[in-house]
PDB file of N, CA and C in Angstrom:
ATOM      1  N   MET A   1       0.836  -1.197   0.000  1.00  0.00           N
ATOM      2  CA  MET A   1       0.000   0.000   0.000  1.00  0.00           C
ATOM      3  C   MET A   1       0.875   1.253   0.000  1.00  0.00           C
ATOM      4  N   GLU A   2       1.818   1.254  -0.847  1.00  0.00           N
ATOM      5  CA  GLU A   2       2.650   2.443  -0.981  1.00  0.00           C
ATOM      6  C   GLU A   2       1.881   3.530  -1.706  1.00  0.00           C
ATOM      7  N   GLY A   3       2.214   4.754  -1.403  1.00  0.00           N
ATOM      8  CA  GLY A   3       1.603   5.872  -2.085  1.00  0.00           C
ATOM      9  C   GLY A   3       0.296   6.350  -1.479  1.00  0.00           C
ATOM     10  N   ILE A   4      -0.166   5.690  -0.441  1.00  0.00           N
ATOM     11  CA  ILE A   4      -1.394   6.139   0.218  1.00  0.00           C
ATOM     12  C   ILE A   4      -1.021   7.091   1.344  1.00  0.00           C
ATOM     13  N   ARG A   5      -1.623   8.255   1.328  1.00  0.00           N
ATOM     14  CA  ARG A   5      -1.339   9.276   2.336  1.00  0.00           C
ATOM     15  C   ARG A   5      -2.628   9.598   3.074  1.00  0.00           C
ATOM     16  N   PHE A   6      -2.576   9.647   4.397  1.00  0.00           N
ATOM     17  CA  PHE A   6      -3.742   9.958   5.211  1.00  0.00           C
ATOM     18  C   PHE A   6      -3.521  11.288   5.916  1.00  0.00           C
ATOM     19  N   GLU A   7      -4.489  12.170   5.820  1.00  0.00           N
ATOM     20  CA  GLU A   7      -4.423  13.438   6.529  1.00  0.00           C
ATOM     21  C   GLU A   7      -5.693  13.585   7.361  1.00  0.00           C
ATOM     22  N   ASN A   8      -5.536  13.699   8.665  1.00  0.00           N
ATOM     23  CA  ASN A   8      -6.669  13.841   9.571  1.00  0.00           C
ATOM     24  C   ASN A   8      -7.161  15.285   9.497  1.00  0.00           C
ATOM     25  N   THR A   9      -8.354  15.476   8.967  1.00  0.00           N
ATOM     26  CA  THR A   9      -8.914  16.822   8.839  1.00  0.00           C
ATOM     27  C   THR A   9     -10.052  17.062   9.827  1.00  0.00           C
ATOM     28  N   ARG A  10     -10.208  16.149  10.793  1.00  0.00           N
ATOM     29  CA  ARG A  10     -11.274  16.310  11.779  1.00  0.00           C
ATOM     30  C   ARG A  10     -10.964  17.479  12.708  1.00  0.00           C
ATOM     31  N   PHE A  11     -12.006  18.145  13.145  1.00  0.00           N
ATOM     32  CA  PHE A  11     -11.878  19.272  14.062  1.00  0.00           C
ATOM     33  C   PHE A  11     -11.442  18.767  15.434  1.00  0.00           C
ATOM     34  N   ASP A  12     -10.455  19.383  16.028  1.00  0.00           N
ATOM     35  CA  ASP A  12      -9.991  19.024  17.362  1.00  0.00           C
ATOM     36  C   ASP A  12     -10.398  20.125  18.335  1.00  0.00           C
ATOM     37  N   PRO A  13     -11.439  19.901  19.153  1.00  0.00           N
ATOM     38  CA  PRO A  13     -11.933  20.949  20.037  1.00  0.00           C
ATOM     39  C   PRO A  13     -10.926  21.355  21.115  1.00  0.00           C
ATOM     40  N   ASP A  14      -9.941  20.500  21.382  1.00  0.00           N
ATOM     41  CA  ASP A  14      -8.939  20.852  22.392  1.00  0.00           C
ATOM     42  C   ASP A  14      -8.040  21.996  21.934  1.00  0.00           C
ATOM     43  N   LEU A  15      -8.113  22.358  20.679  1.00  0.00           N
ATOM     44  CA  LEU A  15      -7.264  23.430  20.150  1.00  0.00           C
ATOM     45  C   LEU A  15      -7.839  24.820  20.383  1.00  0.00           C
ATOM     46  N   ILE A  16      -9.082  24.913  20.885  1.00  0.00           N
ATOM     47  CA  ILE A  16      -9.670  26.227  21.137  1.00  0.00           C
ATOM     48  C   ILE A  16      -9.913  26.398  22.628  1.00  0.00           C
ATOM     49  N   ALA A  17      -9.786  27.616  23.104  1.00  0.00           N
ATOM     50  CA  ALA A  17      -9.906  27.899  24.532  1.00  0.00           C
ATOM     51  C   ALA A  17     -11.312  27.664  25.062  1.00  0.00           C
ATOM     52  N   PHE A  18     -12.320  27.835  24.225  1.00  0.00           N
ATOM     53  CA  PHE A  18     -13.699  27.689  24.670  1.00  0.00           C
ATOM     54  C   PHE A  18     -14.040  26.260  25.070  1.00  0.00           C
ATOM     55  N   HIS A  19     -13.288  25.275  24.587  1.00  0.00           N
ATOM     56  CA  HIS A  19     -13.610  23.867  24.848  1.00  0.00           C
ATOM     57  C   HIS A  19     -13.641  23.560  26.347  1.00  0.00           C
ATOM     58  N   GLY A  20     -12.715  24.088  27.113  1.00  0.00           N
ATOM     59  CA  GLY A  20     -12.692  23.856  28.558  1.00  0.00           C
ATOM     60  C   GLY A  20     -13.930  24.418  29.240  1.00  0.00           C
ATOM     61  N   ILE A  21     -14.337  25.600  28.819  1.00  0.00           N
ATOM     62  CA  ILE A  21     -15.548  26.219  29.381  1.00  0.00           C
ATOM     63  C   ILE A  21     -16.773  25.391  29.008  1.00  0.00           C
ATOM     64  N   ALA A  22     -16.835  24.940  27.767  1.00  0.00           N
ATOM     65  CA  ALA A  22     -17.967  24.131  27.308  1.00  0.00           C
ATOM     66  C   ALA A  22     -18.042  22.818  28.085  1.00  0.00           C
ATOM     67  N   GLN A  23     -16.904  22.219  28.384  1.00  0.00           N
ATOM     68  CA  GLN A  23     -16.894  20.982  29.171  1.00  0.00           C
ATOM     69  C   GLN A  23     -17.452  21.228  30.571  1.00  0.00           C
ATOM     70  N   GLN A  24     -17.074  22.333  31.198  1.00  0.00           N
ATOM     71  CA  GLN A  24     -17.593  22.663  32.526  1.00  0.00           C
ATOM     72  C   GLN A  24     -19.102  22.864  32.476  1.00  0.00           C
ATOM     73  N   MET A  25     -19.583  23.549  31.452  1.00  0.00           N
ATOM     74  CA  MET A  25     -21.016  23.784  31.311  1.00  0.00           C
ATOM     75  C   MET A  25     -21.750  22.460  31.100  1.00  0.00           C
ATOM     76  N   ALA A  26     -21.202  21.585  30.279  1.00  0.00           N
ATOM     77  CA  ALA A  26     -21.841  20.296  30.003  1.00  0.00           C
ATOM     78  C   ALA A  26     -21.899  19.438  31.262  1.00  0.00           C
ATOM     79  N   ARG A  27     -20.838  19.463  32.063  1.00  0.00           N
ATOM     80  CA  ARG A  27     -20.836  18.680  33.308  1.00  0.00           C
ATOM     81  C   ARG A  27     -21.934  19.150  34.255  1.00  0.00           C
ATOM     82  N   SER A  28     -22.258  20.438  34.225  1.00  0.00           N
ATOM     83  CA  SER A  28     -23.257  20.966  35.156  1.00  0.00           C
ATOM     84  C   SER A  28     -24.674  20.526  34.796  1.00  0.00           C
ATOM     85  N   VAL A  29     -24.908  20.121  33.554  1.00  0.00           N
ATOM     86  CA  VAL A  29     -26.251  19.710  33.141  1.00  0.00           C
ATOM     87  C   VAL A  29     -26.278  18.325  32.489  1.00  0.00           C
ATOM     88  N   GLY A  30     -25.142  17.703  32.326  1.00  0.00           N
ATOM     89  CA  GLY A  30     -25.071  16.433  31.607  1.00  0.00           C
ATOM     90  C   GLY A  30     -25.421  15.231  32.455  1.00  0.00           C
ATOM     91  N   ASP A  31     -25.060  14.057  31.943  1.00  0.00           N
ATOM     92  CA  ASP A  31     -25.426  12.820  32.618  1.00  0.00           C
ATOM     93  C   ASP A  31     -24.679  12.612  33.932  1.00  0.00           C
ATOM     94  N   ALA A  32     -23.635  13.393  34.190  1.00  0.00           N
ATOM     95  CA  ALA A  32     -22.908  13.284  35.450  1.00  0.00           C
ATOM     96  C   ALA A  32     -23.387  14.301  36.487  1.00  0.00           C
ATOM     97  N   ALA A  33     -24.350  15.134  36.109  1.00  0.00           N
ATOM     98  CA  ALA A  33     -24.851  16.163  37.020  1.00  0.00           C
ATOM     99  C   ALA A  33     -25.696  15.533  38.124  1.00  0.00           C
ATOM    100  N   ASP A  34     -25.761  16.207  39.258  1.00  0.00           N
ATOM    101  CA  ASP A  34     -26.636  15.768  40.340  1.00  0.00           C
ATOM    102  C   ASP A  34     -28.066  16.136  39.971  1.00  0.00           C
ATOM    103  N   LEU A  35     -28.905  15.122  39.847  1.00  0.00           N
ATOM    104  CA  LEU A  35     -30.276  15.357  39.429  1.00  0.00           C
ATOM    105  C   LEU A  35     -31.239  15.151  40.590  1.00  0.00           C
ATOM    106  N   SER A  36     -32.352  15.875  40.556  1.00  0.00           N
ATOM    107  CA  SER A  36     -33.354  15.719  41.598  1.00  0.00           C
ATOM    108  C   SER A  36     -34.379  14.652  41.226  1.00  0.00           C
ATOM    109  N   ILE A  37     -34.235  14.043  40.029  1.00  0.00           N
ATOM    110  CA  ILE A  37     -35.112  12.948  39.618  1.00  0.00           C
ATOM    111  C   ILE A  37     -34.240  11.753  39.240  1.00  0.00           C
ATOM    112  N   GLU A  38     -34.859  10.606  39.101  1.00  0.00           N
ATOM    113  CA  GLU A  38     -34.100   9.406  38.756  1.00  0.00           C
ATOM    114  C   GLU A  38     -33.424   9.574  37.395  1.00  0.00           C
ATOM    115  N   LYS A  39     -32.173   9.087  37.304  1.00  0.00           N
ATOM    116  CA  LYS A  39     -31.419   9.247  36.056  1.00  0.00           C
ATOM    117  C   LYS A  39     -32.102   8.556  34.889  1.00  0.00           C
ATOM    118  N   LYS A  40     -32.686   7.368  35.112  1.00  0.00           N
ATOM    119  CA  LYS A  40     -33.362   6.678  34.010  1.00  0.00           C
ATOM    120  C   LYS A  40     -34.535   7.492  33.494  1.00  0.00           C
ATOM    121  N   LEU A  41     -35.252   8.127  34.395  1.00  0.00           N
ATOM    122  CA  LEU A  41     -36.391   8.932  34.013  1.00  0.00           C
ATOM    123  C   LEU A  41     -35.947  10.170  33.236  1.00  0.00           C
ATOM    124  N   ALA A  42     -34.783  10.678  33.556  1.00  0.00           N
ATOM    125  CA  ALA A  42     -34.292  11.911  32.935  1.00  0.00           C
ATOM    126  C   ALA A  42     -33.669  11.695  31.555  1.00  0.00           C
ATOM    127  N   GLN A  43     -33.440  10.424  31.168  1.00  0.00           N
ATOM    128  CA  GLN A  43     -32.843  10.167  29.865  1.00  0.00           C
ATOM    129  C   GLN A  43     -33.775  10.627  28.757  1.00  0.00           C
ATOM    130  N   VAL A  44     -33.187  11.236  27.771  1.00  0.00           N
ATOM    131  CA  VAL A  44     -33.970  11.751  26.643  1.00  0.00           C
ATOM    132  C   VAL A  44     -33.799  10.820  25.460  1.00  0.00           C
ATOM    133  N   GLN A  45     -34.894  10.424  24.881  1.00  0.00           N
ATOM    134  CA  GLN A  45     -34.863   9.616  23.653  1.00  0.00           C
ATOM    135  C   GLN A  45     -35.181  10.547  22.493  1.00  0.00           C
ATOM    136  N   VAL A  46     -34.226  10.724  21.607  1.00  0.00           N
ATOM    137  CA  VAL A  46     -34.404  11.615  20.463  1.00  0.00           C
ATOM    138  C   VAL A  46     -34.733  10.782  19.233  1.00  0.00           C
ATOM    139  N   PRO A  47     -35.905  11.003  18.637  1.00  0.00           N
ATOM    140  CA  PRO A  47     -36.243  10.225  17.434  1.00  0.00           C
ATOM    141  C   PRO A  47     -35.393  10.663  16.243  1.00  0.00           C
ATOM    142  N   VAL A  48     -35.063   9.724  15.397  1.00  0.00           N
ATOM    143  CA  VAL A  48     -34.300  10.015  14.186  1.00  0.00           C
ATOM    144  C   VAL A  48     -35.295  10.117  13.038  1.00  0.00           C
ATOM    145  N   LEU A  49     -35.255  11.235  12.347  1.00  0.00           N
ATOM    146  CA  LEU A  49     -36.166  11.468  11.238  1.00  0.00           C
ATOM    147  C   LEU A  49     -35.453  11.270   9.911  1.00  0.00           C
ATOM    148  N   ASP A  50     -36.044  10.493   9.048  1.00  0.00           N
ATOM    149  CA  ASP A  50     -35.497  10.347   7.691  1.00  0.00           C
ATOM    150  C   ASP A  50     -36.002  11.515   6.867  1.00  0.00           C
ATOM    151  N   VAL A  51     -35.070  12.252   6.295  1.00  0.00           N
ATOM    152  CA  VAL A  51     -35.461  13.414   5.493  1.00  0.00           C
ATOM    153  C   VAL A  51     -35.172  13.145   4.042  1.00  0.00           C
TER     154      VAL A  51
END
């Protein structure tokens, strides 16, 4: 497989300063947050729509 070159063009959120703030915000409301209701009850099921 000579001649094959791979270049990762995916966005790396760790390269921007806002990522740390966004992680803190997500922790405050995400699945690791302290909830006043049962975690199973709080899970959101998002339907997938075929467009």
